[in-house]
Amino acid sequence: MSSPTPQPAAQAAPDARHAITAVRDEVAKAVVGNDGAVTALLVALLVRGHVLLEGVPGTAKTLLVKALAGALDLDEKRVQFTPDLMPSDVTGQLIYRQRQGDFAFREGPVFTNLLLADEINRTPPKTQAALLEAMEERQVSVEGATRRLPDPFLVIATQNPVEYEGTYPLPEAQLDRFLLKVIVGYPTAEQEQKVLARHDAGMNPHDIASLGITAVAGHEHLDAARAAVDGVRVDERVQAYIVALARATRDSPSLTLGVSPRGSTMVLHAAKAWAWLAAKSFVTPDDVKAVAVPTLRHRVQLRPEVELEGVSADGVLAGVLSSVPVPR
């Protein structure tokens, strides 16, 4: 039997795009609506980022992650963050094996492809910080030994709005590790009725296999897609536009903290993934605008008096986007 003909690079990228975008249809078998959140998770996967999902309980955030893992044939684990959760419960720890007379490392749930950090703001900052090294460097250090995490590795953290009781707001250093912050709202009346109809027909949200979700993309598609996203071009004028947006937040009288250079680079990477998903080989200002708010809303800090007036970070960013000239 002859060996298969290698796939040309030009053909690999469209095939990868088809597979990655097909993930949306698979996730829709389990989750009604939340198309923006699904796209955000795909963008994060393509550029090796992480996502913070904010919303009230009961809006299918956990189901969304499980469905995504099934459609991508990835391992996923879930950690319920509680006030008594310890850092070692997340990263793992050394345990003494009495029979062998030595210590062995027992991996924590962070050793997976998709880690669902459920209600991350329910646990104290010490445990929240246990994810910092994993998110930034894709590794875990325990007792002086460093262990690499699997690839891909994506943290999908959920949190309730900070005005709810029993929450610990994430510190700026932790927030900065997230590529995107996505607001998961209530479904429309039509979408909610579809949810009820599915449950009335016997849908079991805890059994992903029964929902008919199949793996439509694998590691090879993700690797090809990431390589293609890296090749998406960003013109100097578009780069200058991203810088101008960041600098405008630093000069905004409504903010005490503007966007850092890390934030600028995150906008660039997210815009490249957004453009690639739209079958474009270059980034336009519209791509930048599409990702700017979810990429930056958690990187700015409102002045207290502005916040008391009911102004939101999204509102300030919308003003920045409307005031900065768009390159032609």
Protein backbone atom coordinates (compact mmCIF):
# COMPACT_ATOMS: atom_id res chain seq x y z
CA MET A 1 0.00 0.00 0.00
CA SER A 2 1.41 3.40 -0.94
CA SER A 3 1.94 6.03 1.72
CA PRO A 4 -0.56 8.95 1.83
CA THR A 5 0.35 12.09 -0.02
CA PRO A 6 1.36 14.90 2.37
CA GLN A 7 -1.28 17.61 2.59
CA PRO A 8 -0.13 20.96 1.16
CA ALA A 9 0.09 23.77 3.68
CA ALA A 10 -2.30 25.89 1.62
CA GLN A 11 -4.94 23.18 1.92
CA ALA A 12 -4.29 22.38 5.57
CA ALA A 13 -5.38 25.82 6.81
CA PRO A 14 -8.86 25.77 5.17
CA ASP A 15 -9.40 22.20 6.40
CA ALA A 16 -8.41 23.28 9.90
CA ARG A 17 -10.72 26.31 9.72
CA HIS A 18 -13.62 24.11 8.62
CA ALA A 19 -12.99 21.73 11.52
CA ILE A 20 -12.61 24.48 14.12
CA THR A 21 -15.71 26.37 13.01
CA ALA A 22 -17.68 23.10 12.97
CA VAL A 23 -17.13 23.01 16.75
CA ARG A 24 -19.78 25.72 17.09
CA ASP A 25 -22.44 23.46 15.59
CA GLU A 26 -21.50 20.62 17.92
CA VAL A 27 -21.62 22.84 21.01
CA ALA A 28 -25.04 24.10 19.90
CA LYS A 29 -26.37 20.56 20.37
CA ALA A 30 -25.97 21.09 24.09
CA VAL A 31 -26.02 24.86 24.61
CA VAL A 32 -28.68 27.22 23.28
CA GLY A 33 -27.32 30.67 22.47
CA ASN A 34 -24.00 31.85 23.94
CA ASP A 35 -22.49 31.99 20.44
CA GLY A 36 -20.23 34.83 21.56
CA ALA A 37 -18.85 32.77 24.42
CA VAL A 38 -18.17 29.81 22.10
CA THR A 39 -16.29 32.04 19.66
CA ALA A 40 -14.32 33.57 22.54
CA LEU A 41 -13.21 30.12 23.71
CA LEU A 42 -12.11 29.21 20.18
CA VAL A 43 -10.16 32.47 19.88
CA ALA A 44 -8.43 31.74 23.18
CA LEU A 45 -7.51 28.22 22.10
CA LEU A 46 -6.05 29.49 18.84
CA VAL A 47 -3.73 31.99 20.54
CA ARG A 48 -3.01 30.02 23.73
CA GLY A 49 -5.01 32.33 25.96
CA HIS A 50 -7.46 31.90 28.84
CA VAL A 51 -11.05 33.03 29.32
CA LEU A 52 -12.97 34.44 32.27
CA LEU A 53 -16.73 33.89 32.04
CA GLU A 54 -18.80 36.15 34.26
CA GLY A 55 -22.47 35.55 34.87
CA VAL A 56 -25.05 34.48 37.40
CA PRO A 57 -25.39 30.77 38.23
CA GLY A 58 -27.50 28.62 35.94
CA THR A 59 -26.51 30.09 32.57
CA ALA A 60 -24.92 26.87 31.20
CA LYS A 61 -21.28 27.89 31.70
CA THR A 62 -20.24 24.41 32.90
CA LEU A 63 -22.19 22.69 30.13
CA LEU A 64 -20.50 24.96 27.60
CA VAL A 65 -17.03 23.79 28.66
CA LYS A 66 -18.00 20.11 28.66
CA ALA A 67 -19.52 20.43 25.20
CA LEU A 68 -16.43 22.22 23.89
CA ALA A 69 -14.16 19.46 25.22
CA GLY A 70 -16.30 16.81 23.55
CA ALA A 71 -16.31 18.60 20.19
CA LEU A 72 -12.52 19.03 20.27
CA ASP A 73 -11.65 15.60 21.68
CA LEU A 74 -9.81 17.19 24.61
CA ASP A 75 -9.52 16.19 28.24
CA GLU A 76 -11.32 18.43 30.70
CA LYS A 77 -11.45 18.67 34.46
CA ARG A 78 -13.46 20.81 36.81
CA VAL A 79 -12.48 22.39 40.11
CA GLN A 80 -15.17 23.85 42.33
CA PHE A 81 -13.51 26.80 44.04
CA THR A 82 -14.64 27.11 47.65
CA PRO A 83 -13.41 29.13 50.65
CA ASP A 84 -11.54 26.11 52.06
CA LEU A 85 -9.83 25.03 48.82
CA MET A 86 -6.03 24.80 49.13
CA PRO A 87 -3.47 25.54 46.38
CA SER A 88 -2.31 21.90 46.42
CA ASP A 89 -5.88 20.85 45.63
CA VAL A 90 -5.38 22.54 42.27
CA THR A 91 -1.72 21.95 41.39
CA GLY A 92 -1.08 18.59 43.07
CA GLN A 93 1.19 17.51 45.90
CA LEU A 94 3.83 15.05 47.05
CA ILE A 95 2.45 12.07 48.92
CA TYR A 96 4.37 9.52 50.95
CA ARG A 97 4.10 5.95 49.70
CA GLN A 98 4.54 3.79 52.75
CA ARG A 99 5.10 0.54 50.88
CA GLN A 100 7.83 2.00 48.64
CA GLY A 101 9.22 4.23 51.36
CA ASP A 102 9.42 7.32 49.12
CA PHE A 103 7.47 10.35 47.95
CA ALA A 104 5.55 10.53 44.68
CA PHE A 105 3.82 13.44 42.99
CA ARG A 106 0.08 13.19 42.65
CA GLU A 107 -1.11 15.43 39.83
CA GLY A 108 -3.81 17.94 40.55
CA PRO A 109 -6.70 18.71 38.21
CA VAL A 110 -4.62 21.44 36.53
CA PHE A 111 -2.95 18.67 34.49
CA THR A 112 -5.53 18.63 31.71
CA ASN A 113 -6.38 20.36 28.44
CA LEU A 114 -9.43 22.35 29.53
CA LEU A 115 -9.57 23.32 33.19
CA LEU A 116 -12.89 24.67 34.38
CA ALA A 117 -12.18 26.82 37.43
CA ASP A 118 -15.77 27.09 38.58
CA GLU A 119 -16.67 30.17 40.67
CA ILE A 120 -13.04 31.18 40.98
CA ASN A 121 -13.97 34.25 43.02
CA ARG A 122 -15.44 32.08 45.78
CA THR A 123 -11.96 31.14 47.02
CA PRO A 124 -9.37 33.34 48.80
CA PRO A 125 -6.55 35.03 46.83
CA LYS A 126 -3.92 32.49 47.96
CA THR A 127 -5.66 29.69 46.12
CA GLN A 128 -6.55 31.91 43.17
CA ALA A 129 -2.83 32.64 42.82
CA ALA A 130 -2.10 28.91 42.49
CA LEU A 131 -3.13 29.23 38.86
CA LEU A 132 -0.79 32.12 38.02
CA GLU A 133 2.25 30.07 37.05
CA ALA A 134 0.14 27.51 35.22
CA MET A 135 -1.65 30.14 33.15
CA GLU A 136 1.44 32.16 32.24
CA GLU A 137 4.19 29.56 31.91
CA ARG A 138 2.21 26.35 31.31
CA GLN A 139 3.97 24.62 34.18
CA VAL A 140 3.61 23.85 37.88
CA SER A 141 6.38 24.02 40.48
CA VAL A 142 5.97 21.89 43.59
CA GLU A 143 8.74 21.31 46.15
CA GLY A 144 11.39 22.68 43.80
CA ALA A 145 10.45 20.49 40.83
CA THR A 146 8.88 21.93 37.69
CA ARG A 147 6.37 19.90 35.70
CA ARG A 148 5.05 20.87 32.27
CA LEU A 149 1.33 20.98 31.60
CA PRO A 150 -0.31 19.32 28.60
CA ASP A 151 -0.71 21.18 25.33
CA PRO A 152 -3.20 22.62 24.63
CA PHE A 153 -3.93 24.05 28.05
CA LEU A 154 -6.83 26.44 28.54
CA VAL A 155 -8.19 27.79 31.82
CA ILE A 156 -11.86 28.68 31.63
CA ALA A 157 -12.76 30.39 34.88
CA THR A 158 -16.28 31.32 35.86
CA GLN A 159 -17.24 33.92 38.41
CA ASN A 160 -20.33 35.50 39.81
CA PRO A 161 -20.60 39.29 39.72
CA VAL A 162 -18.60 40.74 42.62
CA GLU A 163 -21.66 42.35 44.18
CA TYR A 164 -22.87 38.89 45.21
CA GLU A 165 -22.14 37.82 48.79
CA GLY A 166 -19.20 35.56 49.57
CA THR A 167 -16.96 36.55 46.67
CA TYR A 168 -13.32 37.65 46.50
CA PRO A 169 -12.56 40.01 43.58
CA LEU A 170 -9.68 38.70 41.49
CA PRO A 171 -6.48 40.78 41.86
CA GLU A 172 -5.15 42.70 38.85
CA ALA A 173 -2.24 40.29 38.38
CA GLN A 174 -4.65 37.38 38.06
CA LEU A 175 -7.08 39.23 35.79
CA ASP A 176 -4.23 40.19 33.48
CA ARG A 177 -3.57 36.50 32.77
CA PHE A 178 -6.93 36.16 31.04
CA LEU A 179 -7.02 36.91 27.34
CA LEU A 180 -10.76 37.59 27.37
CA LYS A 181 -13.48 38.38 29.86
CA VAL A 182 -16.87 37.36 28.50
CA ILE A 183 -20.17 38.37 30.05
CA VAL A 184 -22.65 35.50 29.95
CA GLY A 185 -26.13 36.93 30.22
CA TYR A 186 -29.61 35.49 30.38
CA PRO A 187 -30.98 33.89 27.21
CA THR A 188 -33.73 35.51 25.19
CA ALA A 189 -37.30 34.34 25.78
CA GLU A 190 -37.14 32.26 22.58
CA GLN A 191 -33.83 30.66 23.58
CA GLU A 192 -35.07 29.90 27.08
CA GLN A 193 -38.14 28.19 25.66
CA LYS A 194 -35.84 26.02 23.49
CA VAL A 195 -33.97 25.03 26.66
CA LEU A 196 -37.23 24.03 28.33
CA ALA A 197 -38.30 22.05 25.25
CA ARG A 198 -35.03 20.12 25.27
CA HIS A 199 -35.36 19.27 28.96
CA ASP A 200 -39.00 18.30 28.44
CA ALA A 201 -37.85 15.90 25.72
CA GLY A 202 -35.50 14.19 28.19
CA MET A 203 -32.23 16.05 27.75
CA ASN A 204 -29.66 15.17 30.40
CA PRO A 205 -27.07 18.00 30.59
CA HIS A 206 -24.81 15.81 32.75
CA ASP A 207 -24.43 13.16 30.02
CA ILE A 208 -22.59 14.79 27.13
CA ALA A 209 -22.48 11.58 25.09
CA SER A 210 -26.29 11.36 25.09
CA LEU A 211 -26.51 14.80 23.47
CA GLY A 212 -24.93 13.52 20.27
CA ILE A 213 -21.78 15.61 20.48
CA THR A 214 -18.93 14.12 18.48
CA ALA A 215 -15.32 15.20 18.08
CA VAL A 216 -15.15 17.23 14.85
CA ALA A 217 -11.66 18.65 15.42
CA GLY A 218 -8.53 17.20 16.98
CA HIS A 219 -4.99 18.11 17.93
CA GLU A 220 -3.81 18.11 14.32
CA HIS A 221 -6.50 20.62 13.33
CA LEU A 222 -5.68 22.84 16.28
CA ASP A 223 -1.95 22.77 15.50
CA ALA A 224 -2.60 23.68 11.86
CA ALA A 225 -5.02 26.42 12.88
CA ARG A 226 -2.55 27.95 15.32
CA ALA A 227 0.16 28.00 12.67
CA ALA A 228 -2.23 29.69 10.24
CA VAL A 229 -3.25 32.30 12.83
CA ASP A 230 0.41 33.09 13.47
CA GLY A 231 0.71 33.85 9.75
CA VAL A 232 -2.16 36.36 9.66
CA ARG A 233 -0.70 39.76 8.74
CA VAL A 234 -1.18 42.95 10.76
CA ASP A 235 -0.37 46.14 8.87
CA GLU A 236 1.68 48.80 10.66
CA ARG A 237 -1.29 51.17 10.53
CA VAL A 238 -3.46 48.62 12.33
CA GLN A 239 -0.70 48.08 14.90
CA ALA A 240 -0.59 51.86 15.42
CA TYR A 241 -4.38 51.82 15.86
CA ILE A 242 -4.13 49.23 18.64
CA VAL A 243 -1.45 51.32 20.37
CA ALA A 244 -3.61 54.44 20.05
CA LEU A 245 -6.53 52.65 21.71
CA ALA A 246 -4.35 51.53 24.61
CA ARG A 247 -2.86 54.98 25.10
CA ALA A 248 -6.32 56.55 25.03
CA THR A 249 -7.36 54.42 28.01
CA ARG A 250 -4.30 55.65 29.93
CA ASP A 251 -5.33 59.24 29.27
CA SER A 252 -9.02 58.69 30.06
CA PRO A 253 -10.26 60.82 33.00
CA SER A 254 -12.68 58.01 33.88
CA LEU A 255 -9.95 55.45 34.59
CA THR A 256 -7.32 55.08 37.29
CA LEU A 257 -5.70 52.19 35.42
CA GLY A 258 -5.38 52.01 31.66
CA VAL A 259 -4.33 49.22 29.35
CA SER A 260 -0.77 47.92 29.71
CA PRO A 261 1.47 46.88 26.80
CA ARG A 262 0.48 43.28 27.58
CA GLY A 263 -3.10 44.31 26.90
CA SER A 264 -2.10 45.74 23.53
CA THR A 265 -0.43 42.49 22.50
CA MET A 266 -3.48 40.51 23.62
CA VAL A 267 -5.70 42.65 21.38
CA LEU A 268 -3.35 41.96 18.47
CA HIS A 269 -3.38 38.18 19.00
CA ALA A 270 -7.15 38.03 19.53
CA ALA A 271 -7.73 40.11 16.38
CA LYS A 272 -5.55 37.73 14.35
CA ALA A 273 -7.59 34.73 15.51
CA TRP A 274 -10.85 36.59 14.86
CA ALA A 275 -9.73 37.48 11.33
CA TRP A 276 -8.63 33.89 10.61
CA LEU A 277 -11.98 32.49 11.74
CA ALA A 278 -13.56 34.87 9.22
CA ALA A 279 -11.32 33.41 6.48
CA LYS A 280 -9.14 36.52 6.19
CA SER A 281 -5.35 36.55 5.85
CA PHE A 282 -4.94 40.02 7.39
CA VAL A 283 -6.39 42.01 10.28
CA THR A 284 -8.66 44.99 9.68
CA PRO A 285 -9.65 47.73 12.14
CA ASP A 286 -13.08 46.08 12.36
CA ASP A 287 -11.42 42.90 13.67
CA VAL A 288 -9.69 45.00 16.33
CA LYS A 289 -12.99 46.62 17.29
CA ALA A 290 -14.68 43.21 17.52
CA VAL A 291 -12.26 41.91 20.16
CA ALA A 292 -11.30 45.15 21.93
CA VAL A 293 -13.97 45.23 24.66
CA PRO A 294 -13.76 41.57 25.83
CA THR A 295 -9.96 41.77 25.69
CA LEU A 296 -9.69 45.03 27.64
CA ARG A 297 -12.69 45.29 29.99
CA HIS A 298 -10.86 43.47 32.79
CA ARG A 299 -7.58 45.39 32.29
CA VAL A 300 -8.91 48.84 33.11
CA GLN A 301 -10.00 50.26 36.45
CA LEU A 302 -12.74 52.84 36.91
CA ARG A 303 -12.42 55.83 39.17
CA PRO A 304 -14.66 55.33 42.23
CA GLU A 305 -16.71 58.46 41.57
CA VAL A 306 -17.29 57.39 37.96
CA GLU A 307 -18.38 53.94 39.08
CA LEU A 308 -20.85 55.48 41.53
CA GLU A 309 -22.40 57.35 38.62
CA GLY A 310 -23.21 54.01 37.00
CA VAL A 311 -20.55 54.17 34.29
CA SER A 312 -19.13 50.77 33.29
CA ALA A 313 -15.77 49.76 31.87
CA ASP A 314 -17.58 48.72 28.70
CA GLY A 315 -19.04 52.19 28.40
CA VAL A 316 -15.64 53.85 28.76
CA LEU A 317 -14.10 51.51 26.20
CA ALA A 318 -16.95 52.18 23.79
CA GLY A 319 -16.17 55.89 24.11
CA VAL A 320 -12.50 55.23 23.43
CA LEU A 321 -13.34 53.19 20.33
CA SER A 322 -15.54 55.99 19.00
CA SER A 323 -12.96 58.71 19.66
CA VAL A 324 -9.77 57.13 18.25
CA PRO A 325 -9.45 57.68 14.49
CA VAL A 326 -9.71 54.50 12.42
CA PRO A 327 -6.97 53.97 9.82
CA ARG A 328 -8.10 53.75 6.21
